[in-house]
């Protein structure tokens, strides 16, 4: 009897089992392929970039991932002042 009088201080549980509309599962493979296309800057990414520019959407980055990385680290200076540049 003494155990039934003790109040629990645990947080109230919320059940997500009764969701009426199921959520759409994203196509993760497509997402990864688009990411690799952007990193490498290949033709598939360039065609998506051209389509986005024609429709005036700004959702596709203007530079590929490797272009961004090389621009960030270029020029590389060696100890005897030899410069290595990746882009002119």
C-alpha atoms as a PDB file:
ATOM      1  CA  UNK A   1       0.000   0.000   0.000  1.00  0.00           C
ATOM      2  CA  UNK A   2       2.797   2.403   0.730  1.00  0.00           C
ATOM      3  CA  UNK A   3       4.194   1.887  -2.745  1.00  0.00           C
ATOM      4  CA  UNK A   4       0.986   3.081  -4.435  1.00  0.00           C
ATOM      5  CA  UNK A   5       1.165   6.497  -2.710  1.00  0.00           C
ATOM      6  CA  UNK A   6       4.616   7.367  -4.098  1.00  0.00           C
ATOM      7  CA  UNK A   7       4.408   9.786  -7.037  1.00  0.00           C
ATOM      8  CA  UNK A   8       6.699   9.273 -10.000  1.00  0.00           C
ATOM      9  CA  UNK A   9       8.801  12.219 -11.151  1.00  0.00           C
ATOM     10  CA  UNK A  10       9.573  10.682 -14.535  1.00  0.00           C
ATOM     11  CA  UNK A  11       8.790  12.834 -17.579  1.00  0.00           C
ATOM     12  CA  UNK A  12       5.563  12.138 -19.416  1.00  0.00           C
ATOM     13  CA  UNK A  13       6.027   9.851 -22.424  1.00  0.00           C
ATOM     14  CA  UNK A  14       4.900  10.924 -25.869  1.00  0.00           C
ATOM     15  CA  UNK A  15       3.888   8.265 -28.359  1.00  0.00           C
ATOM     16  CA  UNK A  16       4.659   8.788 -32.039  1.00  0.00           C
ATOM     17  CA  UNK A  17       2.985   5.521 -33.016  1.00  0.00           C
ATOM     18  CA  UNK A  18      -0.277   7.212 -33.982  1.00  0.00           C
ATOM     19  CA  UNK A  19       1.018   9.520 -36.715  1.00  0.00           C
ATOM     20  CA  UNK A  20      -1.691   9.721 -39.363  1.00  0.00           C
ATOM     21  CA  UNK A  21       0.521  10.732 -42.320  1.00  0.00           C
ATOM     22  CA  UNK A  22       3.671   8.698 -42.859  1.00  0.00           C
ATOM     23  CA  UNK A  23       6.768  10.740 -43.628  1.00  0.00           C
ATOM     24  CA  UNK A  24       8.372  10.284 -47.005  1.00  0.00           C
ATOM     25  CA  UNK A  25      11.743   8.594 -46.800  1.00  0.00           C
ATOM     26  CA  UNK A  26      14.403  10.609 -48.661  1.00  0.00           C
ATOM     27  CA  UNK A  27      16.363   8.949 -51.435  1.00  0.00           C
ATOM     28  CA  UNK A  28      19.704   8.763 -49.633  1.00  0.00           C
ATOM     29  CA  UNK A  29      21.546   7.191 -52.556  1.00  0.00           C
ATOM     30  CA  UNK A  30      20.538  10.060 -54.824  1.00  0.00           C
ATOM     31  CA  UNK A  31      21.618  12.541 -52.156  1.00  0.00           C
ATOM     32  CA  UNK A  32      25.048  10.925 -51.903  1.00  0.00           C
ATOM     33  CA  UNK A  33      25.462  10.827 -55.679  1.00  0.00           C
ATOM     34  CA  UNK A  34      24.595  14.528 -55.948  1.00  0.00           C
ATOM     35  CA  UNK A  35      27.122  15.285 -53.224  1.00  0.00           C
ATOM     36  CA  UNK A  36      29.882  13.371 -55.026  1.00  0.00           C
ATOM     37  CA  UNK A  37      28.930  15.086 -58.309  1.00  0.00           C
ATOM     38  CA  UNK A  38      29.317  18.468 -56.602  1.00  0.00           C
ATOM     39  CA  UNK A  39      32.637  17.512 -54.992  1.00  0.00           C
ATOM     40  CA  UNK A  40      34.149  16.364 -58.274  1.00  0.00           C
ATOM     41  CA  UNK A  41      32.421  18.983 -60.417  1.00  0.00           C
ATOM     42  CA  UNK A  42      31.505  16.425 -63.064  1.00  0.00           C
ATOM     43  CA  UNK A  43      29.066  16.778 -65.955  1.00  0.00           C
ATOM     44  CA  UNK A  44      25.979  15.757 -63.941  1.00  0.00           C
ATOM     45  CA  UNK A  45      26.627  18.591 -61.469  1.00  0.00           C
ATOM     46  CA  UNK A  46      27.273  21.075 -64.288  1.00  0.00           C
ATOM     47  CA  UNK A  47      23.971  20.188 -65.946  1.00  0.00           C
ATOM     48  CA  UNK A  48      22.136  20.683 -62.616  1.00  0.00           C
ATOM     49  CA  UNK A  49      23.918  24.033 -62.247  1.00  0.00           C
ATOM     50  CA  UNK A  50      22.840  25.114 -65.746  1.00  0.00           C
ATOM     51  CA  UNK A  51      19.239  24.039 -65.080  1.00  0.00           C
ATOM     52  CA  UNK A  52      19.196  25.958 -61.792  1.00  0.00           C
ATOM     53  CA  UNK A  53      20.586  29.090 -63.444  1.00  0.00           C
ATOM     54  CA  UNK A  54      17.985  28.915 -66.241  1.00  0.00           C
ATOM     55  CA  UNK A  55      15.135  28.622 -63.745  1.00  0.00           C
ATOM     56  CA  UNK A  56      16.671  31.334 -61.458  1.00  0.00           C
ATOM     57  CA  UNK A  57      17.046  29.020 -58.465  1.00  0.00           C
ATOM     58  CA  UNK A  58      20.049  29.556 -56.242  1.00  0.00           C
ATOM     59  CA  UNK A  59      20.122  26.144 -54.602  1.00  0.00           C
ATOM     60  CA  UNK A  60      23.118  24.741 -56.528  1.00  0.00           C
ATOM     61  CA  UNK A  61      26.564  26.124 -55.570  1.00  0.00           C
ATOM     62  CA  UNK A  62      28.448  27.959 -58.326  1.00  0.00           C
ATOM     63  CA  UNK A  63      31.789  26.225 -57.603  1.00  0.00           C
ATOM     64  CA  UNK A  64      32.502  22.538 -57.226  1.00  0.00           C
ATOM     65  CA  UNK A  65      33.865  21.235 -53.946  1.00  0.00           C
ATOM     66  CA  UNK A  66      37.407  20.694 -55.191  1.00  0.00           C
ATOM     67  CA  UNK A  67      37.475  24.164 -56.764  1.00  0.00           C
ATOM     68  CA  UNK A  68      36.517  25.657 -53.407  1.00  0.00           C
ATOM     69  CA  UNK A  69      39.177  23.666 -51.574  1.00  0.00           C
ATOM     70  CA  UNK A  70      41.949  24.484 -54.048  1.00  0.00           C
ATOM     71  CA  UNK A  71      40.992  28.155 -54.081  1.00  0.00           C
ATOM     72  CA  UNK A  72      41.132  28.211 -50.293  1.00  0.00           C
ATOM     73  CA  UNK A  73      44.608  26.671 -50.005  1.00  0.00           C
ATOM     74  CA  UNK A  74      46.182  28.231 -53.113  1.00  0.00           C
ATOM     75  CA  UNK A  75      48.912  29.421 -53.429  1.00  0.00           C
ATOM     76  CA  UNK A  76      51.059  27.072 -51.401  1.00  0.00           C
ATOM     77  CA  UNK A  77      54.457  28.517 -50.520  1.00  0.00           C
ATOM     78  CA  UNK A  78      57.384  26.222 -49.869  1.00  0.00           C
ATOM     79  CA  UNK A  79      60.379  27.134 -47.695  1.00  0.00           C
ATOM     80  CA  UNK A  80      62.590  28.380 -50.559  1.00  0.00           C
ATOM     81  CA  UNK A  81      59.587  30.452 -51.789  1.00  0.00           C
ATOM     82  CA  UNK A  82      58.414  28.085 -54.499  1.00  0.00           C
ATOM     83  CA  UNK A  83      54.767  28.909 -55.211  1.00  0.00           C
ATOM     84  CA  UNK A  84      52.379  26.187 -56.270  1.00  0.00           C
ATOM     85  CA  UNK A  85      49.064  27.457 -57.606  1.00  0.00           C
ATOM     86  CA  UNK A  86      46.137  25.315 -58.652  1.00  0.00           C
ATOM     87  CA  UNK A  87      44.166  27.953 -60.525  1.00  0.00           C
ATOM     88  CA  UNK A  88      45.489  30.931 -62.475  1.00  0.00           C
END
